Amino acid sequence: MAEVTAAAVKELREKTGAGMMDCKKALSATEGDMEKAIDWLRQKGLSAAAKKAGRAATEGAVTSYIHGAGKIGVLVEVNCETDFVARNEGFQELVRDIAMHIAAAAPLYVRREEVDPAILERELDVYRGQLKEQGKPEKIWDKILEGKREKFYQDICLLEQPFVKDPDKTVQQLVNEAVAKIGENITVRRFARFVLGEGLEKKTENFAEEIAKTAGLA
């Protein structure tokens, strides 16, 4: 398999406007062939999504998801460009899926840019302490910490989490596919997640497993 270089990823990103990780996946899937990678992104709808990303999305919908007998609830706002698309069944289904995902996966932020740098630094300090305790040589810390940083974002940021109904894609990829299909810019603006009795001492419940069963995924 051909090595995917940072320069190739940068070139593909400049040509298509797609995200860095998507460009890397495209080059890996096509063994570094730039033209085939462009076609790969187009087939996935990722290039089209990137081109629409700068367009204003001020319409959309606020949707709720209530699990079971009211044990967990989610409100999410997803924006699109026109009221016509906001009423589209495909868009409505996307918003419902995102709300259900939030209920199951419990993200803390929509995107990594929202994470307080102090929170990230505190996590990295913990990881550094672990590496020191494990006796790892300091010269490899940066590489390990980079992986820890990415995993931290994937755990807490909605758009980077594996989609609960199809873990082979992220929530961002789910949105990108909807953009390509619907033809408008779509953005997740904000969400709120409520758990009955949260903060009170009570039996821990596996809501992710319950929601998966409700959706017929388990």
C-alpha atoms as a PDB file:
ATOM      1  CA  MET A   1       0.000   0.000   0.000  1.00  0.00           C
ATOM      2  CA  ALA A   2       1.343   3.432  -0.985  1.00  0.00           C
ATOM      3  CA  GLU A   3       2.286   5.759   1.854  1.00  0.00           C
ATOM      4  CA  VAL A   4      -0.128   8.658   2.314  1.00  0.00           C
ATOM      5  CA  THR A   5       1.951  11.790   2.817  1.00  0.00           C
ATOM      6  CA  ALA A   6       0.892  15.013   4.493  1.00  0.00           C
ATOM      7  CA  ALA A   7       1.662  16.860   1.240  1.00  0.00           C
ATOM      8  CA  ALA A   8      -0.724  14.616  -0.708  1.00  0.00           C
ATOM      9  CA  VAL A   9      -3.467  15.098   1.876  1.00  0.00           C
ATOM     10  CA  LYS A  10      -2.970  18.878   1.693  1.00  0.00           C
ATOM     11  CA  GLU A  11      -3.122  18.838  -2.117  1.00  0.00           C
ATOM     12  CA  LEU A  12      -6.298  16.758  -2.158  1.00  0.00           C
ATOM     13  CA  ARG A  13      -7.907  18.980   0.443  1.00  0.00           C
ATOM     14  CA  GLU A  14      -7.092  22.084  -1.610  1.00  0.00           C
ATOM     15  CA  LYS A  15      -8.551  20.478  -4.740  1.00  0.00           C
ATOM     16  CA  THR A  16     -11.762  19.233  -3.156  1.00  0.00           C
ATOM     17  CA  GLY A  17     -12.343  21.245   0.013  1.00  0.00           C
ATOM     18  CA  ALA A  18     -12.972  17.984   1.887  1.00  0.00           C
ATOM     19  CA  GLY A  19     -11.777  17.424   5.462  1.00  0.00           C
ATOM     20  CA  MET A  20      -8.270  16.224   6.215  1.00  0.00           C
ATOM     21  CA  MET A  21      -9.358  12.846   7.590  1.00  0.00           C
ATOM     22  CA  ASP A  22     -11.634  12.233   4.600  1.00  0.00           C
ATOM     23  CA  CYS A  23      -8.772  13.125   2.234  1.00  0.00           C
ATOM     24  CA  LYS A  24      -6.474  10.711   4.042  1.00  0.00           C
ATOM     25  CA  LYS A  25      -9.080   7.937   3.807  1.00  0.00           C
ATOM     26  CA  ALA A  26      -9.588   8.647   0.106  1.00  0.00           C
ATOM     27  CA  LEU A  27      -5.869   8.431  -0.634  1.00  0.00           C
ATOM     28  CA  SER A  28      -5.536   5.246   1.415  1.00  0.00           C
ATOM     29  CA  ALA A  29      -8.477   3.665  -0.382  1.00  0.00           C
ATOM     30  CA  THR A  30      -7.035   4.532  -3.805  1.00  0.00           C
ATOM     31  CA  GLU A  31      -3.379   3.748  -3.023  1.00  0.00           C
ATOM     32  CA  GLY A  32      -2.340   7.376  -3.328  1.00  0.00           C
ATOM     33  CA  ASP A  33      -3.823   7.994  -6.784  1.00  0.00           C
ATOM     34  CA  MET A  34      -4.895  11.662  -6.695  1.00  0.00           C
ATOM     35  CA  GLU A  35      -7.512  11.512  -9.481  1.00  0.00           C
ATOM     36  CA  LYS A  36      -9.062   8.334  -8.119  1.00  0.00           C
ATOM     37  CA  ALA A  37      -9.097   9.898  -4.649  1.00  0.00           C
ATOM     38  CA  ILE A  38     -11.015  12.884  -6.023  1.00  0.00           C
ATOM     39  CA  ASP A  39     -13.555  10.519  -7.584  1.00  0.00           C
ATOM     40  CA  TRP A  40     -13.740   8.573  -4.295  1.00  0.00           C
ATOM     41  CA  LEU A  41     -14.646  11.761  -2.432  1.00  0.00           C
ATOM     42  CA  ARG A  42     -17.211  12.707  -5.057  1.00  0.00           C
ATOM     43  CA  GLN A  43     -18.819   9.267  -4.860  1.00  0.00           C
ATOM     44  CA  LYS A  44     -19.085   9.609  -1.086  1.00  0.00           C
ATOM     45  CA  GLY A  45     -20.527  13.088  -1.455  1.00  0.00           C
ATOM     46  CA  LEU A  46     -17.788  14.526   0.714  1.00  0.00           C
ATOM     47  CA  SER A  47     -16.396  16.971  -1.830  1.00  0.00           C
ATOM     48  CA  ALA A  48     -19.836  18.416  -2.502  1.00  0.00           C
ATOM     49  CA  ALA A  49     -20.422  18.816   1.225  1.00  0.00           C
ATOM     50  CA  ALA A  50     -17.223  20.778   1.633  1.00  0.00           C
ATOM     51  CA  LYS A  51     -18.164  23.173  -1.164  1.00  0.00           C
ATOM     52  CA  LYS A  52     -21.509  23.918   0.473  1.00  0.00           C
ATOM     53  CA  ALA A  53     -20.050  24.362   3.944  1.00  0.00           C
ATOM     54  CA  GLY A  54     -19.657  28.141   3.650  1.00  0.00           C
ATOM     55  CA  ARG A  55     -23.273  28.792   2.688  1.00  0.00           C
ATOM     56  CA  ALA A  56     -25.595  30.285   5.298  1.00  0.00           C
ATOM     57  CA  ALA A  57     -27.843  27.769   7.066  1.00  0.00           C
ATOM     58  CA  THR A  58     -30.457  29.656   9.073  1.00  0.00           C
ATOM     59  CA  GLU A  59     -33.518  27.429   8.626  1.00  0.00           C
ATOM     60  CA  GLY A  60     -33.900  23.911   9.991  1.00  0.00           C
ATOM     61  CA  ALA A  61     -35.553  22.185  12.907  1.00  0.00           C
ATOM     62  CA  VAL A  62     -35.436  21.652  16.645  1.00  0.00           C
ATOM     63  CA  THR A  63     -36.299  18.035  17.373  1.00  0.00           C
ATOM     64  CA  SER A  64     -36.733  16.098  20.583  1.00  0.00           C
ATOM     65  CA  TYR A  65     -36.043  12.474  21.400  1.00  0.00           C
ATOM     66  CA  ILE A  66     -37.468  10.939  24.560  1.00  0.00           C
ATOM     67  CA  HIS A  67     -36.248   7.485  25.505  1.00  0.00           C
ATOM     68  CA  GLY A  68     -38.478   4.867  27.120  1.00  0.00           C
ATOM     69  CA  ALA A  69     -40.726   6.154  29.880  1.00  0.00           C
ATOM     70  CA  GLY A  70     -39.059   9.543  29.992  1.00  0.00           C
ATOM     71  CA  LYS A  71     -35.738   8.467  31.509  1.00  0.00           C
ATOM     72  CA  ILE A  72     -33.653  10.409  29.024  1.00  0.00           C
ATOM     73  CA  GLY A  73     -34.427  13.285  26.683  1.00  0.00           C
ATOM     74  CA  VAL A  74     -32.634  15.251  23.982  1.00  0.00           C
ATOM     75  CA  LEU A  75     -33.273  18.522  22.184  1.00  0.00           C
ATOM     76  CA  VAL A  76     -31.157  19.227  19.102  1.00  0.00           C
ATOM     77  CA  GLU A  77     -31.101  22.071  16.589  1.00  0.00           C
ATOM     78  CA  VAL A  78     -29.964  21.225  13.067  1.00  0.00           C
ATOM     79  CA  ASN A  79     -29.849  23.968  10.437  1.00  0.00           C
ATOM     80  CA  CYS A  80     -30.253  23.960   6.666  1.00  0.00           C
ATOM     81  CA  GLU A  81     -30.569  26.713   4.063  1.00  0.00           C
ATOM     82  CA  THR A  82     -34.300  26.731   3.222  1.00  0.00           C
ATOM     83  CA  ASP A  83     -37.622  26.093   4.904  1.00  0.00           C
ATOM     84  CA  PHE A  84     -38.476  23.745   2.029  1.00  0.00           C
ATOM     85  CA  VAL A  85     -35.627  21.403   2.973  1.00  0.00           C
ATOM     86  CA  ALA A  86     -36.424  21.783   6.686  1.00  0.00           C
ATOM     87  CA  ARG A  87     -39.781  20.118   5.948  1.00  0.00           C
ATOM     88  CA  ASN A  88     -38.170  17.416   3.781  1.00  0.00           C
ATOM     89  CA  GLU A  89     -38.594  13.902   5.175  1.00  0.00           C
ATOM     90  CA  GLY A  90     -34.940  13.072   4.545  1.00  0.00           C
ATOM     91  CA  PHE A  91     -33.840  16.091   6.575  1.00  0.00           C
ATOM     92  CA  GLN A  92     -36.309  15.296   9.349  1.00  0.00           C
ATOM     93  CA  GLU A  93     -35.023  11.726   9.508  1.00  0.00           C
ATOM     94  CA  LEU A  94     -31.446  12.999   9.781  1.00  0.00           C
ATOM     95  CA  VAL A  95     -32.359  15.244  12.705  1.00  0.00           C
ATOM     96  CA  ARG A  96     -34.171  12.389  14.463  1.00  0.00           C
ATOM     97  CA  ASP A  97     -31.181  10.100  13.979  1.00  0.00           C
ATOM     98  CA  ILE A  98     -28.844  12.713  15.423  1.00  0.00           C
ATOM     99  CA  ALA A  99     -31.118  13.223  18.433  1.00  0.00           C
ATOM    100  CA  MET A 100     -31.227   9.473  19.063  1.00  0.00           C
ATOM    101  CA  HIS A 101     -27.445   9.279  18.716  1.00  0.00           C
ATOM    102  CA  ILE A 102     -27.000  12.035  21.304  1.00  0.00           C
ATOM    103  CA  ALA A 103     -29.244  10.152  23.715  1.00  0.00           C
ATOM    104  CA  ALA A 104     -27.195   6.991  23.299  1.00  0.00           C
ATOM    105  CA  ALA A 105     -23.645   8.338  22.997  1.00  0.00           C
ATOM    106  CA  ALA A 106     -23.802  11.279  25.434  1.00  0.00           C
ATOM    107  CA  PRO A 107     -21.470  13.732  23.666  1.00  0.00           C
ATOM    108  CA  LEU A 108     -20.477  16.867  25.565  1.00  0.00           C
ATOM    109  CA  TYR A 109     -19.830  19.190  22.626  1.00  0.00           C
ATOM    110  CA  VAL A 110     -20.883  19.475  18.988  1.00  0.00           C
ATOM    111  CA  ARG A 111     -17.354  19.996  17.596  1.00  0.00           C
ATOM    112  CA  ARG A 112     -13.789  20.056  18.886  1.00  0.00           C
ATOM    113  CA  GLU A 113     -13.506  23.838  18.556  1.00  0.00           C
ATOM    114  CA  GLU A 114     -15.965  24.162  21.443  1.00  0.00           C
ATOM    115  CA  VAL A 115     -13.804  22.210  23.902  1.00  0.00           C
ATOM    116  CA  ASP A 116     -12.255  24.419  26.581  1.00  0.00           C
ATOM    117  CA  PRO A 117      -8.447  24.292  26.068  1.00  0.00           C
ATOM    118  CA  ALA A 118      -8.044  24.017  29.854  1.00  0.00           C
ATOM    119  CA  ILE A 119     -10.105  20.810  29.863  1.00  0.00           C
ATOM    120  CA  LEU A 120      -8.024  19.324  27.073  1.00  0.00           C
ATOM    121  CA  GLU A 121      -4.774  20.294  28.800  1.00  0.00           C
ATOM    122  CA  ARG A 122      -5.944  18.686  32.041  1.00  0.00           C
ATOM    123  CA  GLU A 123      -6.614  15.430  30.182  1.00  0.00           C
ATOM    124  CA  LEU A 124      -3.196  15.574  28.534  1.00  0.00           C
ATOM    125  CA  ASP A 125      -1.577  16.134  31.932  1.00  0.00           C
ATOM    126  CA  VAL A 126      -3.231  12.933  33.160  1.00  0.00           C
ATOM    127  CA  TYR A 127      -1.934  11.055  30.103  1.00  0.00           C
ATOM    128  CA  ARG A 128       1.580  12.451  30.655  1.00  0.00           C
ATOM    129  CA  GLY A 129       1.454  11.196  34.228  1.00  0.00           C
ATOM    130  CA  GLN A 130       0.417   7.764  33.003  1.00  0.00           C
ATOM    131  CA  LEU A 131       3.266   7.664  30.487  1.00  0.00           C
ATOM    132  CA  LYS A 132       5.729   8.633  33.203  1.00  0.00           C
ATOM    133  CA  GLU A 133       4.397   5.919  35.524  1.00  0.00           C
ATOM    134  CA  GLN A 134       4.681   3.385  32.718  1.00  0.00           C
ATOM    135  CA  GLY A 135       8.292   4.376  32.102  1.00  0.00           C
ATOM    136  CA  LYS A 136       7.737   5.354  28.475  1.00  0.00           C
ATOM    137  CA  PRO A 137      10.684   7.314  27.002  1.00  0.00           C
ATOM    138  CA  GLU A 138       9.869  11.011  26.668  1.00  0.00           C
ATOM    139  CA  LYS A 139      10.919  11.085  23.010  1.00  0.00           C
ATOM    140  CA  ILE A 140       7.766   9.134  22.066  1.00  0.00           C
ATOM    141  CA  TRP A 141       5.372  11.039  24.305  1.00  0.00           C
ATOM    142  CA  ASP A 142       4.304  13.562  21.655  1.00  0.00           C
ATOM    143  CA  LYS A 143       3.217  10.851  19.237  1.00  0.00           C
ATOM    144  CA  ILE A 144       1.289   8.972  21.919  1.00  0.00           C
ATOM    145  CA  LEU A 145      -0.308  12.167  23.230  1.00  0.00           C
ATOM    146  CA  GLU A 146      -1.463  13.099  19.730  1.00  0.00           C
ATOM    147  CA  GLY A 147      -3.329   9.809  19.526  1.00  0.00           C
ATOM    148  CA  LYS A 148      -4.786  10.356  23.001  1.00  0.00           C
ATOM    149  CA  ARG A 149      -5.904  13.850  21.982  1.00  0.00           C
ATOM    150  CA  GLU A 150      -7.726  12.548  18.913  1.00  0.00           C
ATOM    151  CA  LYS A 151      -9.384   9.774  20.922  1.00  0.00           C
ATOM    152  CA  PHE A 152     -10.483  12.341  23.531  1.00  0.00           C
ATOM    153  CA  TYR A 153     -12.168  14.434  20.843  1.00  0.00           C
ATOM    154  CA  GLN A 154     -13.810  11.340  19.337  1.00  0.00           C
ATOM    155  CA  ASP A 155     -15.236  10.407  22.725  1.00  0.00           C
ATOM    156  CA  ILE A 156     -16.796  13.776  23.595  1.00  0.00           C
ATOM    157  CA  CYS A 157     -17.499  15.617  20.315  1.00  0.00           C
ATOM    158  CA  LEU A 158     -20.748  14.731  18.568  1.00  0.00           C
ATOM    159  CA  LEU A 159     -19.527  15.144  14.991  1.00  0.00           C
ATOM    160  CA  GLU A 160     -16.488  12.915  15.567  1.00  0.00           C
ATOM    161  CA  GLN A 161     -18.308  10.066  17.311  1.00  0.00           C
ATOM    162  CA  PRO A 162     -19.075   6.838  15.418  1.00  0.00           C
ATOM    163  CA  PHE A 163     -22.759   6.989  14.452  1.00  0.00           C
ATOM    164  CA  VAL A 164     -24.705   4.575  16.663  1.00  0.00           C
ATOM    165  CA  LYS A 165     -26.704   3.081  13.780  1.00  0.00           C
ATOM    166  CA  ASP A 166     -23.610   2.623  11.591  1.00  0.00           C
ATOM    167  CA  PRO A 167     -20.304   2.770  13.541  1.00  0.00           C
ATOM    168  CA  ASP A 168     -18.309   2.615  10.305  1.00  0.00           C
ATOM    169  CA  LYS A 169     -19.132   6.291   9.749  1.00  0.00           C
ATOM    170  CA  THR A 170     -18.964   9.345  12.005  1.00  0.00           C
ATOM    171  CA  VAL A 171     -21.863  11.690  12.653  1.00  0.00           C
ATOM    172  CA  GLN A 172     -20.063  14.260  10.475  1.00  0.00           C
ATOM    173  CA  GLN A 173     -19.957  11.764   7.622  1.00  0.00           C
ATOM    174  CA  LEU A 174     -23.672  11.134   8.129  1.00  0.00           C
ATOM    175  CA  VAL A 175     -24.293  14.869   7.793  1.00  0.00           C
ATOM    176  CA  ASN A 176     -22.018  15.097   4.726  1.00  0.00           C
ATOM    177  CA  GLU A 177     -23.971  12.338   3.012  1.00  0.00           C
ATOM    178  CA  ALA A 178     -27.213  14.208   3.698  1.00  0.00           C
ATOM    179  CA  VAL A 179     -25.702  17.390   2.250  1.00  0.00           C
ATOM    180  CA  ALA A 180     -24.763  15.552  -0.940  1.00  0.00           C
ATOM    181  CA  LYS A 181     -28.212  13.986  -1.211  1.00  0.00           C
ATOM    182  CA  ILE A 182     -30.332  17.007  -0.269  1.00  0.00           C
ATOM    183  CA  GLY A 183     -28.139  19.646  -1.920  1.00  0.00           C
ATOM    184  CA  GLU A 184     -27.959  22.199   0.894  1.00  0.00           C
ATOM    185  CA  ASN A 185     -25.510  23.049   3.639  1.00  0.00           C
ATOM    186  CA  ILE A 186     -26.520  21.324   6.881  1.00  0.00           C
ATOM    187  CA  THR A 187     -25.011  22.061  10.283  1.00  0.00           C
ATOM    188  CA  VAL A 188     -25.630  20.828  13.801  1.00  0.00           C
ATOM    189  CA  ARG A 189     -25.830  23.978  15.901  1.00  0.00           C
ATOM    190  CA  ARG A 190     -26.483  22.862  19.489  1.00  0.00           C
ATOM    191  CA  PHE A 191     -28.084  20.244  21.704  1.00  0.00           C
ATOM    192  CA  ALA A 192     -29.156  19.575  25.269  1.00  0.00           C
ATOM    193  CA  ARG A 193     -29.293  16.149  26.888  1.00  0.00           C
ATOM    194  CA  PHE A 194     -31.244  15.401  30.062  1.00  0.00           C
ATOM    195  CA  VAL A 195     -31.087  12.264  32.191  1.00  0.00           C
ATOM    196  CA  LEU A 196     -33.714  11.658  34.863  1.00  0.00           C
ATOM    197  CA  GLY A 197     -32.144  12.073  38.304  1.00  0.00           C
ATOM    198  CA  GLU A 198     -28.753  13.022  36.885  1.00  0.00           C
ATOM    199  CA  GLY A 199     -26.489  14.104  39.723  1.00  0.00           C
ATOM    200  CA  LEU A 200     -28.517  12.185  42.283  1.00  0.00           C
ATOM    201  CA  GLU A 201     -27.285   8.945  43.805  1.00  0.00           C
ATOM    202  CA  LYS A 202     -29.017   6.144  41.952  1.00  0.00           C
ATOM    203  CA  LYS A 203     -28.442   2.905  40.116  1.00  0.00           C
ATOM    204  CA  THR A 204     -26.374   3.359  36.964  1.00  0.00           C
ATOM    205  CA  GLU A 205     -28.275   2.437  33.805  1.00  0.00           C
ATOM    206  CA  ASN A 206     -26.907   1.583  30.387  1.00  0.00           C
ATOM    207  CA  PHE A 207     -28.947   3.973  28.248  1.00  0.00           C
ATOM    208  CA  ALA A 208     -26.859   3.351  25.133  1.00  0.00           C
ATOM    209  CA  GLU A 209     -27.756  -0.334  25.219  1.00  0.00           C
ATOM    210  CA  GLU A 210     -31.428   0.406  25.876  1.00  0.00           C
ATOM    211  CA  ILE A 211     -31.624   2.896  22.995  1.00  0.00           C
ATOM    212  CA  ALA A 212     -29.897   0.461  20.645  1.00  0.00           C
ATOM    213  CA  LYS A 213     -32.521  -2.154  21.484  1.00  0.00           C
ATOM    214  CA  THR A 214     -35.328   0.376  20.960  1.00  0.00           C
ATOM    215  CA  ALA A 215     -33.935   1.204  17.510  1.00  0.00           C
ATOM    216  CA  GLY A 216     -33.600  -2.480  16.638  1.00  0.00           C
ATOM    217  CA  LEU A 217     -29.800  -2.317  16.621  1.00  0.00           C
ATOM    218  CA  ALA A 218     -29.167  -4.868  19.350  1.00  0.00           C
END
